[in-house]
Amino acid sequence: MVLGAGFLMVGSAAPVSAQGLSQYGMWGSGPPTSRSPSFLGAAPAAPQAARGAELAQGGGRPSISPKSPKRVSFDNRFEPGSVVIDTAGRKLYYTLSQNSAYVYPVAVGRQGFTWTGMERVSRVQSWPDWHPPAEMRRRDPRLPVKMTGGVRNPLGAKAIYLGNTLYRIHGTNETRSIGTASSSGCFRMHNGHVVHLAGLVDAGAPVYVMRSLPKSGPATPPGGSKPKQPAVQEVSVESPAPTAGDADTGAGENGAGAAEPADAADDQAI
């Protein structure tokens, strides 16, 4: 009888739990969850991360007025109308002559995502769509397959495409990043500044991406005073460049009413 009573006492014992009120009930243990039973001591499976929508809306597309940057003295040997990016200085110059330029603050590639070389502007697009690449969506499944252009879109009000690469100069909805090394290889600008720059550059304008500018003497194009022909690419990427399979180079504005290229991509390198 004593042994039977002992079993009865053990069977009726309940585990002790800390008590306290919370929005989820009196136990203070967070919201209720549903998990599969654990067998043989195996840990329950972690809940799957929420997946992003196929299409996300980028929000409104307000009219952005161009914002004039500073005009500065700039001793250089570039052709007027060239874009010169000083990666170390985190500045973009648009040359007006061989002794003056507009200068804009920019965000540049973070460590491992910088590159140097010369490309030419291939096209300009207003409020570009964004297609996060597959690798980016694997890292963050909440990202959409596509986000339409708009104020919530990380590409901002304009995108200036650089040759047939996956890099571009574009606006941003993260203005605090301007002046930092934080992108994946693109160059971010304030929306008002990129609208101003887009009004100056035409397709074919040379864009020089330089590690740094000389502390004394004129800034000169790498390899000489004349830009290479458009067919010649000389891009030195300091980390593996994104491939077409990893990115999206943009829904295009190849001029008024132009169609989007079928294989266009909209950004791997924001």
Protein backbone atom coordinates (compact mmCIF):
# COMPACT_ATOMS: atom_id res chain seq x y z
CA MET A 1 0.00 0.00 0.00
CA VAL A 2 2.86 2.39 0.78
CA LEU A 3 4.47 1.58 -2.56
CA GLY A 4 1.16 2.22 -4.34
CA ALA A 5 0.77 5.54 -2.60
CA GLY A 6 4.28 6.47 -3.67
CA PHE A 7 3.45 5.80 -7.31
CA LEU A 8 0.29 7.84 -6.92
CA MET A 9 2.23 10.78 -5.52
CA VAL A 10 4.84 10.65 -8.33
CA GLY A 11 2.17 10.40 -11.00
CA SER A 12 0.29 13.39 -9.71
CA ALA A 13 3.33 15.67 -9.34
CA ALA A 14 3.35 18.66 -11.72
CA PRO A 15 6.41 20.54 -13.01
CA VAL A 16 7.09 23.87 -11.36
CA SER A 17 7.11 26.91 -13.63
CA ALA A 18 7.95 30.56 -12.96
CA GLN A 19 4.80 32.62 -12.92
CA GLY A 20 4.20 36.17 -14.06
CA LEU A 21 1.65 38.07 -16.08
CA SER A 22 2.36 39.06 -19.67
CA GLN A 23 0.41 39.89 -22.79
CA TYR A 24 0.59 36.21 -23.71
CA GLY A 25 -0.97 34.92 -20.47
CA MET A 26 0.01 34.32 -16.90
CA TRP A 27 3.08 32.22 -17.64
CA GLY A 28 5.12 34.97 -19.28
CA SER A 29 6.55 32.55 -21.81
CA GLY A 30 5.75 34.36 -25.06
CA PRO A 31 3.11 33.60 -27.65
CA PRO A 32 1.92 30.02 -28.01
CA THR A 33 3.73 28.02 -30.67
CA SER A 34 2.91 24.80 -32.46
CA ARG A 35 5.76 22.32 -32.83
CA SER A 36 6.00 18.74 -33.96
CA PRO A 37 6.67 16.24 -31.17
CA SER A 38 10.29 15.39 -30.50
CA PHE A 39 11.30 11.75 -30.83
CA LEU A 40 14.39 10.11 -29.35
CA GLY A 41 15.52 13.39 -27.87
CA ALA A 42 15.79 15.18 -31.24
CA ALA A 43 15.37 18.94 -31.11
CA PRO A 44 12.16 20.23 -32.68
CA ALA A 45 12.56 21.68 -36.16
CA ALA A 46 13.14 25.43 -36.28
CA PRO A 47 10.24 27.39 -37.75
CA GLN A 48 10.80 28.38 -41.38
CA ALA A 49 11.48 32.04 -42.15
CA ALA A 50 8.66 33.90 -43.79
CA ARG A 51 9.03 34.10 -47.56
CA GLY A 52 8.78 37.36 -49.40
CA ALA A 53 6.07 38.18 -51.87
CA GLU A 54 6.54 37.67 -55.58
CA LEU A 55 5.83 41.36 -56.15
CA ALA A 56 6.25 44.22 -53.70
CA GLN A 57 5.10 47.75 -54.37
CA GLY A 58 7.80 50.40 -54.17
CA GLY A 59 5.38 53.14 -53.22
CA GLY A 60 4.77 56.55 -54.72
CA ARG A 61 6.87 58.17 -57.41
CA PRO A 62 6.94 61.86 -56.56
CA SER A 63 8.55 64.47 -58.78
CA ILE A 64 12.11 64.97 -57.53
CA SER A 65 13.67 68.33 -58.31
CA PRO A 66 17.36 68.32 -59.25
CA LYS A 67 19.62 69.54 -56.47
CA SER A 68 22.71 71.42 -57.66
CA PRO A 69 25.93 70.27 -55.97
CA LYS A 70 28.99 72.36 -55.18
CA ARG A 71 31.13 73.58 -58.04
CA VAL A 72 34.80 73.21 -57.08
CA SER A 73 38.29 73.67 -58.50
CA PHE A 74 39.42 70.33 -59.89
CA ASP A 75 42.77 70.04 -61.65
CA ASN A 76 42.31 67.18 -64.08
CA ARG A 77 43.09 65.84 -67.54
CA PHE A 78 39.72 64.23 -68.22
CA GLU A 79 37.50 65.31 -71.06
CA PRO A 80 34.75 67.73 -70.01
CA GLY A 81 31.59 65.77 -69.32
CA SER A 82 33.42 62.86 -67.69
CA VAL A 83 32.32 61.26 -64.43
CA VAL A 84 35.19 60.57 -62.02
CA ILE A 85 34.54 58.59 -58.83
CA ASP A 86 37.03 58.86 -55.98
CA THR A 87 36.38 55.70 -53.99
CA ALA A 88 38.63 56.60 -51.05
CA GLY A 89 37.22 60.12 -50.86
CA ARG A 90 33.63 58.89 -51.41
CA LYS A 91 33.00 61.62 -53.93
CA LEU A 92 31.81 61.78 -57.52
CA TYR A 93 33.05 64.53 -59.86
CA TYR A 94 31.42 65.66 -63.08
CA THR A 95 34.08 67.54 -65.01
CA LEU A 96 33.12 70.93 -66.43
CA SER A 97 36.62 71.77 -67.64
CA GLN A 98 40.17 70.77 -66.81
CA ASN A 99 40.10 72.99 -63.74
CA SER A 100 36.52 72.75 -62.43
CA ALA A 101 33.86 70.17 -61.67
CA TYR A 102 30.65 69.50 -59.81
CA VAL A 103 31.25 67.31 -56.76
CA TYR A 104 28.67 65.04 -55.14
CA PRO A 105 28.96 62.89 -51.98
CA VAL A 106 28.35 59.20 -52.64
CA ALA A 107 28.26 55.84 -50.90
CA VAL A 108 30.75 53.35 -52.33
CA GLY A 109 31.31 49.60 -52.12
CA ARG A 110 31.99 48.10 -48.73
CA GLN A 111 35.12 46.07 -48.08
CA GLY A 112 35.45 43.32 -50.65
CA PHE A 113 32.99 44.97 -53.06
CA THR A 114 35.05 47.83 -54.50
CA TRP A 115 36.22 47.95 -58.10
CA THR A 116 38.14 50.24 -60.44
CA GLY A 117 38.08 50.86 -64.17
CA MET A 118 36.33 52.77 -66.93
CA GLU A 119 32.82 52.20 -68.21
CA ARG A 120 30.42 54.26 -70.28
CA VAL A 121 26.88 55.26 -69.46
CA SER A 122 24.59 52.88 -71.33
CA ARG A 123 21.22 54.27 -70.26
CA VAL A 124 19.33 56.16 -67.56
CA GLN A 125 16.09 55.07 -65.93
CA SER A 126 13.62 56.87 -63.69
CA TRP A 127 12.27 55.02 -60.65
CA PRO A 128 13.79 51.66 -61.65
CA ASP A 129 12.34 48.35 -60.50
CA TRP A 130 14.47 46.18 -58.23
CA HIS A 131 14.91 42.43 -58.56
CA PRO A 132 16.93 41.14 -55.58
CA PRO A 133 19.28 38.43 -56.86
CA ALA A 134 18.79 34.82 -55.87
CA GLU A 135 21.79 34.86 -53.53
CA MET A 136 20.43 37.89 -51.69
CA ARG A 137 17.01 36.25 -51.35
CA ARG A 138 18.63 33.09 -50.01
CA ARG A 139 20.25 35.19 -47.29
CA ASP A 140 17.00 36.99 -46.54
CA PRO A 141 13.92 35.03 -47.68
CA ARG A 142 11.67 37.95 -46.74
CA LEU A 143 12.83 39.89 -49.80
CA PRO A 144 10.44 39.99 -52.75
CA VAL A 145 11.23 38.60 -56.16
CA LYS A 146 10.55 42.06 -57.57
CA MET A 147 9.90 45.51 -56.13
CA THR A 148 8.46 48.18 -58.37
CA GLY A 149 10.09 51.59 -58.51
CA GLY A 150 9.11 54.07 -55.85
CA VAL A 151 10.12 55.77 -52.63
CA ARG A 152 10.51 52.44 -50.77
CA ASN A 153 12.73 50.99 -53.49
CA PRO A 154 16.47 51.07 -52.60
CA LEU A 155 17.44 52.23 -56.12
CA GLY A 156 15.84 55.63 -55.62
CA ALA A 157 14.61 58.09 -58.22
CA LYS A 158 17.16 57.44 -61.00
CA ALA A 159 19.61 54.78 -62.07
CA ILE A 160 22.54 55.47 -64.41
CA TYR A 161 23.66 52.16 -65.89
CA LEU A 162 27.37 51.52 -66.48
CA GLY A 163 28.06 49.67 -69.72
CA ASN A 164 26.83 46.09 -69.67
CA THR A 165 27.96 45.55 -66.09
CA LEU A 166 25.61 45.02 -63.17
CA TYR A 167 26.77 48.24 -61.53
CA ARG A 168 25.12 51.62 -61.60
CA ILE A 169 25.01 55.06 -60.08
CA HIS A 170 21.62 55.43 -58.43
CA GLY A 171 19.54 57.21 -55.83
CA THR A 172 18.67 55.72 -52.48
CA ASN A 173 16.07 55.60 -49.75
CA GLU A 174 18.86 55.26 -47.17
CA THR A 175 20.33 58.75 -47.19
CA ARG A 176 22.31 58.05 -44.01
CA SER A 177 24.54 55.74 -46.04
CA ILE A 178 25.83 58.59 -48.23
CA GLY A 179 29.51 59.15 -47.48
CA THR A 180 30.04 55.59 -46.26
CA ALA A 181 31.44 52.38 -47.74
CA SER A 182 28.29 50.29 -47.55
CA SER A 183 27.10 49.20 -51.00
CA SER A 184 27.70 46.01 -52.97
CA GLY A 185 29.56 47.89 -55.72
CA CYS A 186 27.07 50.50 -56.90
CA PHE A 187 27.33 54.20 -56.10
CA ARG A 188 24.48 55.73 -54.11
CA MET A 189 23.55 59.39 -54.29
CA HIS A 190 20.92 61.64 -52.78
CA ASN A 191 17.87 61.53 -55.05
CA GLY A 192 18.09 65.23 -55.86
CA HIS A 193 21.76 64.83 -56.79
CA VAL A 194 21.28 61.79 -59.02
CA VAL A 195 18.45 63.60 -60.83
CA HIS A 196 20.83 66.54 -61.38
CA LEU A 197 23.62 64.27 -62.66
CA ALA A 198 21.23 62.32 -64.90
CA GLY A 199 20.34 65.60 -66.57
CA LEU A 200 24.01 66.12 -67.50
CA VAL A 201 25.15 62.73 -68.74
CA ASP A 202 24.25 61.13 -72.04
CA ALA A 203 24.68 57.57 -73.24
CA GLY A 204 28.35 57.06 -73.98
CA ALA A 205 29.66 59.42 -71.30
CA PRO A 206 32.81 57.96 -69.72
CA VAL A 207 32.74 56.99 -66.05
CA TYR A 208 36.08 56.44 -64.31
CA VAL A 209 36.08 54.58 -61.01
CA MET A 210 39.37 55.24 -59.23
CA ARG A 211 40.74 53.93 -55.96
CA SER A 212 41.84 57.44 -54.97
CA LEU A 213 42.86 60.77 -56.49
CA PRO A 214 46.41 62.17 -56.31
CA LYS A 215 47.19 64.45 -53.39
CA SER A 216 49.14 66.77 -55.68
CA GLY A 217 49.10 67.37 -59.41
CA PRO A 218 46.25 66.80 -61.83
CA ALA A 219 43.93 63.83 -61.73
CA THR A 220 44.43 61.84 -64.92
CA PRO A 221 42.65 58.95 -66.62
CA PRO A 222 44.32 55.58 -66.04
CA GLY A 223 46.46 54.72 -69.03
CA GLY A 224 46.37 58.12 -70.74
CA SER A 225 44.37 61.22 -71.43
CA LYS A 226 41.85 59.74 -73.88
CA PRO A 227 39.05 57.37 -72.87
CA LYS A 228 38.99 53.95 -74.46
CA GLN A 229 36.48 53.11 -77.14
CA PRO A 230 33.15 51.71 -75.85
CA ALA A 231 33.98 48.20 -77.05
CA VAL A 232 36.95 48.04 -74.69
CA GLN A 233 36.20 47.18 -71.08
CA GLU A 234 38.75 47.66 -68.35
CA VAL A 235 37.07 46.93 -65.07
CA SER A 236 39.11 45.57 -62.19
CA VAL A 237 36.82 44.07 -59.58
CA GLU A 238 38.37 43.54 -56.17
CA SER A 239 35.86 40.84 -55.31
CA PRO A 240 34.03 38.37 -57.56
CA ALA A 241 31.70 40.39 -59.75
CA PRO A 242 28.01 39.50 -59.68
CA THR A 243 26.89 37.46 -62.64
CA ALA A 244 23.75 37.86 -64.67
CA GLY A 245 22.32 34.88 -62.83
CA ASP A 246 22.79 36.60 -59.48
CA ALA A 247 21.31 39.96 -60.28
CA ASP A 248 19.00 42.16 -62.17
CA THR A 249 20.14 45.06 -64.28
CA GLY A 250 16.96 46.98 -64.46
CA ALA A 251 13.73 47.71 -66.22
CA GLY A 252 14.88 50.10 -68.80
CA GLU A 253 14.34 53.59 -69.88
CA ASN A 254 16.26 53.48 -73.13
CA GLY A 255 14.66 56.75 -74.02
CA ALA A 256 11.01 57.68 -74.12
CA GLY A 257 8.77 54.68 -74.66
CA ALA A 258 11.67 52.24 -74.92
CA ALA A 259 10.97 48.61 -74.08
CA GLU A 260 12.65 46.81 -71.23
CA PRO A 261 15.36 44.38 -72.38
CA ALA A 262 14.22 40.80 -71.90
CA ASP A 263 17.27 39.88 -69.82
CA ALA A 264 17.47 43.14 -67.91
CA ALA A 265 18.25 42.99 -64.23
CA ASP A 266 17.60 45.53 -61.55
CA ASP A 267 20.19 45.32 -58.91
CA GLN A 268 22.51 43.06 -57.20
CA ALA A 269 24.71 45.79 -55.95
CA ILE A 270 22.69 48.40 -54.21
